Amino acid sequence: MKKVKLKVKKKGQKPIEFKAGALRAQLGVKKDEKIPAGKMKAAEEGKMGPLAKKRALFKKNVLTGKK
C-alpha cells in the first residue's frame, strides 16, 4: 500500500500520513467497490479489531469530515 501525506491547513501542524486503501484491504473489499455500510459500522464499533476501528474513525472524521 502506498503512503499518502495530507497537507495541513493550519500553520505549525505536521502533515498527516496514512496508507491509502488499508481499511478497504483489511475489511476484504475489492478496490473498485464501495465499503458496505454494515462493514464500516462494524469497523467503527471495533468488531473488526482495534486497528480497523482506528482507520474507520480516521476515514469518517479526517477524510470525509468538514471541508
PDB file of N, CA and C in Angstrom:
ATOM      1  N   MET A   1       0.824  -1.179   0.000  1.00  0.00           N
ATOM      2  CA  MET A   1       0.000   0.000   0.000  1.00  0.00           C
ATOM      3  C   MET A   1       0.871   1.246   0.000  1.00  0.00           C
ATOM      4  N   LYS A   2       0.380   2.237  -0.637  1.00  0.00           N
ATOM      5  CA  LYS A   2       1.120   3.476  -0.805  1.00  0.00           C
ATOM      6  C   LYS A   2       0.803   4.440   0.339  1.00  0.00           C
ATOM      7  N   LYS A   3       1.851   5.032   0.911  1.00  0.00           N
ATOM      8  CA  LYS A   3       1.643   6.038   1.952  1.00  0.00           C
ATOM      9  C   LYS A   3       1.308   7.370   1.303  1.00  0.00           C
ATOM     10  N   VAL A   4       0.333   8.060   1.883  1.00  0.00           N
ATOM     11  CA  VAL A   4      -0.135   9.336   1.361  1.00  0.00           C
ATOM     12  C   VAL A   4       0.045  10.385   2.443  1.00  0.00           C
ATOM     13  N   LYS A   5       0.428  11.596   2.057  1.00  0.00           N
ATOM     14  CA  LYS A   5       0.549  12.704   3.002  1.00  0.00           C
ATOM     15  C   LYS A   5      -0.503  13.746   2.684  1.00  0.00           C
ATOM     16  N   LEU A   6      -1.253  14.150   3.702  1.00  0.00           N
ATOM     17  CA  LEU A   6      -2.212  15.237   3.554  1.00  0.00           C
ATOM     18  C   LEU A   6      -1.561  16.520   4.029  1.00  0.00           C
ATOM     19  N   LYS A   7      -1.705  17.570   3.261  1.00  0.00           N
ATOM     20  CA  LYS A   7      -1.181  18.861   3.682  1.00  0.00           C
ATOM     21  C   LYS A   7      -2.079  19.426   4.771  1.00  0.00           C
ATOM     22  N   VAL A   8      -1.478  20.148   5.695  1.00  0.00           N
ATOM     23  CA  VAL A   8      -2.249  20.750   6.784  1.00  0.00           C
ATOM     24  C   VAL A   8      -2.703  22.144   6.402  1.00  0.00           C
ATOM     25  N   LYS A   9      -3.795  22.562   7.010  1.00  0.00           N
ATOM     26  CA  LYS A   9      -4.347  23.870   6.708  1.00  0.00           C
ATOM     27  C   LYS A   9      -3.871  24.927   7.691  1.00  0.00           C
ATOM     28  N   LYS A  10      -3.452  24.491   8.882  1.00  0.00           N
ATOM     29  CA  LYS A  10      -3.022  25.439   9.906  1.00  0.00           C
ATOM     30  C   LYS A  10      -1.504  25.418  10.029  1.00  0.00           C
ATOM     31  N   LYS A  11      -0.946  26.556  10.299  1.00  0.00           N
ATOM     32  CA  LYS A  11       0.497  26.679  10.445  1.00  0.00           C
ATOM     33  C   LYS A  11       0.946  25.966  11.719  1.00  0.00           C
ATOM     34  N   GLY A  12       2.052  25.248  11.635  1.00  0.00           N
ATOM     35  CA  GLY A  12       2.619  24.578  12.793  1.00  0.00           C
ATOM     36  C   GLY A  12       2.194  23.126  12.952  1.00  0.00           C
ATOM     37  N   GLN A  13       1.279  22.635  12.130  1.00  0.00           N
ATOM     38  CA  GLN A  13       0.855  21.243  12.213  1.00  0.00           C
ATOM     39  C   GLN A  13       1.700  20.375  11.288  1.00  0.00           C
ATOM     40  N   LYS A  14       1.875  19.126  11.674  1.00  0.00           N
ATOM     41  CA  LYS A  14       2.604  18.177  10.843  1.00  0.00           C
ATOM     42  C   LYS A  14       1.669  17.628   9.768  1.00  0.00           C
ATOM     43  N   PRO A  15       2.211  17.268   8.606  1.00  0.00           N
ATOM     44  CA  PRO A  15       1.367  16.621   7.592  1.00  0.00           C
ATOM     45  C   PRO A  15       0.889  15.257   8.101  1.00  0.00           C
ATOM     46  N   ILE A  16      -0.305  14.858   7.704  1.00  0.00           N
ATOM     47  CA  ILE A  16      -0.884  13.597   8.143  1.00  0.00           C
ATOM     48  C   ILE A  16      -0.500  12.514   7.141  1.00  0.00           C
ATOM     49  N   GLU A  17       0.065  11.404   7.645  1.00  0.00           N
ATOM     50  CA  GLU A  17       0.441  10.277   6.795  1.00  0.00           C
ATOM     51  C   GLU A  17      -0.486   9.100   7.066  1.00  0.00           C
ATOM     52  N   PHE A  18      -0.913   8.432   6.007  1.00  0.00           N
ATOM     53  CA  PHE A  18      -1.718   7.229   6.151  1.00  0.00           C
ATOM     54  C   PHE A  18      -1.537   6.357   4.922  1.00  0.00           C
ATOM     55  N   LYS A  19      -1.907   5.093   5.048  1.00  0.00           N
ATOM     56  CA  LYS A  19      -1.809   4.149   3.934  1.00  0.00           C
ATOM     57  C   LYS A  19      -3.132   4.143   3.185  1.00  0.00           C
ATOM     58  N   ALA A  20      -3.101   4.564   1.943  1.00  0.00           N
ATOM     59  CA  ALA A  20      -4.311   4.597   1.125  1.00  0.00           C
ATOM     60  C   ALA A  20      -4.759   3.172   0.808  1.00  0.00           C
ATOM     61  N   GLY A  21      -6.020   2.862   1.062  1.00  0.00           N
ATOM     62  CA  GLY A  21      -6.575   1.549   0.769  1.00  0.00           C
ATOM     63  C   GLY A  21      -6.377   0.514   1.855  1.00  0.00           C
ATOM     64  N   ALA A  22      -5.785   0.896   2.979  1.00  0.00           N
ATOM     65  CA  ALA A  22      -5.516  -0.070   4.042  1.00  0.00           C
ATOM     66  C   ALA A  22      -6.804  -0.566   4.693  1.00  0.00           C
ATOM     67  N   LEU A  23      -7.748   0.329   4.941  1.00  0.00           N
ATOM     68  CA  LEU A  23      -9.019  -0.076   5.551  1.00  0.00           C
ATOM     69  C   LEU A  23      -9.779  -1.003   4.612  1.00  0.00           C
ATOM     70  N   ARG A  24      -9.811  -0.663   3.357  1.00  0.00           N
ATOM     71  CA  ARG A  24     -10.502  -1.476   2.350  1.00  0.00           C
ATOM     72  C   ARG A  24      -9.901  -2.890   2.308  1.00  0.00           C
ATOM     73  N   ALA A  25      -8.586  -2.985   2.315  1.00  0.00           N
ATOM     74  CA  ALA A  25      -7.921  -4.283   2.276  1.00  0.00           C
ATOM     75  C   ALA A  25      -8.180  -5.069   3.559  1.00  0.00           C
ATOM     76  N   GLN A  26      -8.169  -4.383   4.685  1.00  0.00           N
ATOM     77  CA  GLN A  26      -8.381  -5.044   5.968  1.00  0.00           C
ATOM     78  C   GLN A  26      -9.809  -5.591   6.088  1.00  0.00           C
ATOM     79  N   LEU A  27     -10.765  -4.899   5.488  1.00  0.00           N
ATOM     80  CA  LEU A  27     -12.156  -5.343   5.543  1.00  0.00           C
ATOM     81  C   LEU A  27     -12.485  -6.351   4.447  1.00  0.00           C
ATOM     82  N   GLY A  28     -11.554  -6.580   3.521  1.00  0.00           N
ATOM     83  CA  GLY A  28     -11.748  -7.571   2.468  1.00  0.00           C
ATOM     84  C   GLY A  28     -12.648  -7.104   1.341  1.00  0.00           C
ATOM     85  N   VAL A  29     -12.609  -5.807   1.039  1.00  0.00           N
ATOM     86  CA  VAL A  29     -13.423  -5.239  -0.033  1.00  0.00           C
ATOM     87  C   VAL A  29     -12.519  -5.002  -1.240  1.00  0.00           C
ATOM     88  N   LYS A  30     -13.010  -5.337  -2.433  1.00  0.00           N
ATOM     89  CA  LYS A  30     -12.215  -5.142  -3.646  1.00  0.00           C
ATOM     90  C   LYS A  30     -11.994  -3.661  -3.919  1.00  0.00           C
ATOM     91  N   LYS A  31     -10.930  -3.367  -4.668  1.00  0.00           N
ATOM     92  CA  LYS A  31     -10.534  -1.981  -4.941  1.00  0.00           C
ATOM     93  C   LYS A  31     -11.623  -1.143  -5.594  1.00  0.00           C
ATOM     94  N   ASP A  32     -12.335  -1.710  -6.539  1.00  0.00           N
ATOM     95  CA  ASP A  32     -13.300  -0.928  -7.308  1.00  0.00           C
ATOM     96  C   ASP A  32     -14.695  -0.874  -6.673  1.00  0.00           C
ATOM     97  N   GLU A  33     -14.870  -1.452  -5.466  1.00  0.00           N
ATOM     98  CA  GLU A  33     -16.167  -1.449  -4.798  1.00  0.00           C
ATOM     99  C   GLU A  33     -16.172  -0.492  -3.607  1.00  0.00           C
ATOM    100  N   LYS A  34     -17.366  -0.006  -3.254  1.00  0.00           N
ATOM    101  CA  LYS A  34     -17.504   0.823  -2.065  1.00  0.00           C
ATOM    102  C   LYS A  34     -17.534  -0.076  -0.835  1.00  0.00           C
ATOM    103  N   ILE A  35     -17.093   0.449   0.302  1.00  0.00           N
ATOM    104  CA  ILE A  35     -17.162  -0.306   1.546  1.00  0.00           C
ATOM    105  C   ILE A  35     -18.626  -0.338   1.988  1.00  0.00           C
ATOM    106  N   PRO A  36     -19.201  -1.528   2.186  1.00  0.00           N
ATOM    107  CA  PRO A  36     -20.595  -1.609   2.616  1.00  0.00           C
ATOM    108  C   PRO A  36     -20.804  -0.939   3.977  1.00  0.00           C
ATOM    109  N   ALA A  37     -21.980  -0.357   4.168  1.00  0.00           N
ATOM    110  CA  ALA A  37     -22.282   0.369   5.401  1.00  0.00           C
ATOM    111  C   ALA A  37     -22.191  -0.537   6.625  1.00  0.00           C
ATOM    112  N   GLY A  38     -22.599  -1.779   6.486  1.00  0.00           N
ATOM    113  CA  GLY A  38     -22.546  -2.715   7.604  1.00  0.00           C
ATOM    114  C   GLY A  38     -21.126  -3.003   8.057  1.00  0.00           C
ATOM    115  N   LYS A  39     -20.228  -3.191   7.085  1.00  0.00           N
ATOM    116  CA  LYS A  39     -18.823  -3.433   7.426  1.00  0.00           C
ATOM    117  C   LYS A  39     -18.185  -2.186   8.026  1.00  0.00           C
ATOM    118  N   MET A  40     -18.549  -1.018   7.490  1.00  0.00           N
ATOM    119  CA  MET A  40     -17.999   0.233   8.003  1.00  0.00           C
ATOM    120  C   MET A  40     -18.446   0.459   9.447  1.00  0.00           C
ATOM    121  N   LYS A  41     -19.715   0.191   9.727  1.00  0.00           N
ATOM    122  CA  LYS A  41     -20.246   0.361  11.082  1.00  0.00           C
ATOM    123  C   LYS A  41     -19.574  -0.611  12.049  1.00  0.00           C
ATOM    124  N   ALA A  42     -19.387  -1.863  11.619  1.00  0.00           N
ATOM    125  CA  ALA A  42     -18.721  -2.859  12.456  1.00  0.00           C
ATOM    126  C   ALA A  42     -17.282  -2.448  12.748  1.00  0.00           C
ATOM    127  N   ALA A  43     -16.607  -1.890  11.754  1.00  0.00           N
ATOM    128  CA  ALA A  43     -15.227  -1.434  11.949  1.00  0.00           C
ATOM    129  C   ALA A  43     -15.189  -0.255  12.914  1.00  0.00           C
ATOM    130  N   GLU A  44     -16.135   0.684  12.790  1.00  0.00           N
ATOM    131  CA  GLU A  44     -16.185   1.841  13.684  1.00  0.00           C
ATOM    132  C   GLU A  44     -16.448   1.429  15.128  1.00  0.00           C
ATOM    133  N   GLU A  45     -17.206   0.347  15.324  1.00  0.00           N
ATOM    134  CA  GLU A  45     -17.525  -0.137  16.664  1.00  0.00           C
ATOM    135  C   GLU A  45     -16.410  -1.002  17.244  1.00  0.00           C
ATOM    136  N   GLY A  46     -15.422  -1.364  16.439  1.00  0.00           N
ATOM    137  CA  GLY A  46     -14.297  -2.151  16.920  1.00  0.00           C
ATOM    138  C   GLY A  46     -14.482  -3.647  16.792  1.00  0.00           C
ATOM    139  N   LYS A  47     -15.495  -4.088  16.069  1.00  0.00           N
ATOM    140  CA  LYS A  47     -15.750  -5.521  15.919  1.00  0.00           C
ATOM    141  C   LYS A  47     -14.764  -6.181  14.962  1.00  0.00           C
ATOM    142  N   MET A  48     -14.075  -5.396  14.147  1.00  0.00           N
ATOM    143  CA  MET A  48     -13.101  -5.918  13.187  1.00  0.00           C
ATOM    144  C   MET A  48     -11.669  -5.795  13.720  1.00  0.00           C
ATOM    145  N   GLY A  49     -11.526  -5.342  14.956  1.00  0.00           N
ATOM    146  CA  GLY A  49     -10.215  -5.184  15.560  1.00  0.00           C
ATOM    147  C   GLY A  49      -9.904  -3.720  15.834  1.00  0.00           C
ATOM    148  N   PRO A  50      -8.936  -3.469  16.716  1.00  0.00           N
ATOM    149  CA  PRO A  50      -8.622  -2.082  17.104  1.00  0.00           C
ATOM    150  C   PRO A  50      -8.017  -1.246  15.976  1.00  0.00           C
ATOM    151  N   LEU A  51      -7.223  -1.852  15.107  1.00  0.00           N
ATOM    152  CA  LEU A  51      -6.620  -1.097  14.010  1.00  0.00           C
ATOM    153  C   LEU A  51      -7.678  -0.704  12.978  1.00  0.00           C
ATOM    154  N   ALA A  52      -8.614  -1.604  12.710  1.00  0.00           N
ATOM    155  CA  ALA A  52      -9.705  -1.286  11.780  1.00  0.00           C
ATOM    156  C   ALA A  52     -10.568  -0.167  12.348  1.00  0.00           C
ATOM    157  N   LYS A  53     -10.780  -0.175  13.655  1.00  0.00           N
ATOM    158  CA  LYS A  53     -11.554   0.889  14.304  1.00  0.00           C
ATOM    159  C   LYS A  53     -10.854   2.231  14.131  1.00  0.00           C
ATOM    160  N   LYS A  54      -9.554   2.236  14.347  1.00  0.00           N
ATOM    161  CA  LYS A  54      -8.771   3.465  14.208  1.00  0.00           C
ATOM    162  C   LYS A  54      -8.839   3.991  12.772  1.00  0.00           C
ATOM    163  N   ARG A  55      -8.690   3.096  11.799  1.00  0.00           N
ATOM    164  CA  ARG A  55      -8.731   3.505  10.391  1.00  0.00           C
ATOM    165  C   ARG A  55     -10.122   3.973   9.979  1.00  0.00           C
ATOM    166  N   ALA A  56     -11.167   3.316  10.482  1.00  0.00           N
ATOM    167  CA  ALA A  56     -12.538   3.696  10.138  1.00  0.00           C
ATOM    168  C   ALA A  56     -12.870   5.078  10.702  1.00  0.00           C
ATOM    169  N   LEU A  57     -12.470   5.341  11.935  1.00  0.00           N
ATOM    170  CA  LEU A  57     -12.727   6.648  12.534  1.00  0.00           C
ATOM    171  C   LEU A  57     -11.915   7.736  11.841  1.00  0.00           C
ATOM    172  N   PHE A  58     -10.702   7.407  11.406  1.00  0.00           N
ATOM    173  CA  PHE A  58      -9.885   8.356  10.652  1.00  0.00           C
ATOM    174  C   PHE A  58     -10.573   8.717   9.340  1.00  0.00           C
ATOM    175  N   LYS A  59     -11.083   7.703   8.646  1.00  0.00           N
ATOM    176  CA  LYS A  59     -11.796   7.938   7.379  1.00  0.00           C
ATOM    177  C   LYS A  59     -13.032   8.794   7.606  1.00  0.00           C
ATOM    178  N   LYS A  60     -13.771   8.475   8.653  1.00  0.00           N
ATOM    179  CA  LYS A  60     -15.014   9.194   8.936  1.00  0.00           C
ATOM    180  C   LYS A  60     -14.748  10.650   9.315  1.00  0.00           C
ATOM    181  N   ASN A  61     -13.778  10.893  10.170  1.00  0.00           N
ATOM    182  CA  ASN A  61     -13.559  12.231  10.719  1.00  0.00           C
ATOM    183  C   ASN A  61     -12.611  13.099   9.905  1.00  0.00           C
ATOM    184  N   VAL A  62     -11.516  12.537   9.447  1.00  0.00           N
ATOM    185  CA  VAL A  62     -10.498  13.340   8.771  1.00  0.00           C
ATOM    186  C   VAL A  62     -10.734  13.415   7.263  1.00  0.00           C
ATOM    187  N   LEU A  63     -10.957  12.275   6.645  1.00  0.00           N
ATOM    188  CA  LEU A  63     -11.051  12.251   5.188  1.00  0.00           C
ATOM    189  C   LEU A  63     -12.397  12.710   4.651  1.00  0.00           C
ATOM    190  N   THR A  64     -13.482  12.497   5.392  1.00  0.00           N
ATOM    191  CA  THR A  64     -14.801  12.892   4.895  1.00  0.00           C
ATOM    192  C   THR A  64     -15.494  13.875   5.826  1.00  0.00           C
ATOM    193  N   GLY A  65     -14.749  14.516   6.698  1.00  0.00           N
ATOM    194  CA  GLY A  65     -15.337  15.472   7.640  1.00  0.00           C
ATOM    195  C   GLY A  65     -15.610  16.817   6.993  1.00  0.00           C
ATOM    196  N   LYS A  66     -15.719  17.848   7.830  1.00  0.00           N
ATOM    197  CA  LYS A  66     -15.983  19.198   7.321  1.00  0.00           C
ATOM    198  C   LYS A  66     -14.854  19.646   6.416  1.00  0.00           C
ATOM    199  N   LYS A  67     -15.207  20.420   5.397  1.00  0.00           N
ATOM    200  CA  LYS A  67     -14.182  20.901   4.463  1.00  0.00           C
ATOM    201  C   LYS A  67     -14.178  22.394   4.413  1.00  0.00           C
TER     202      LYS A  67
END
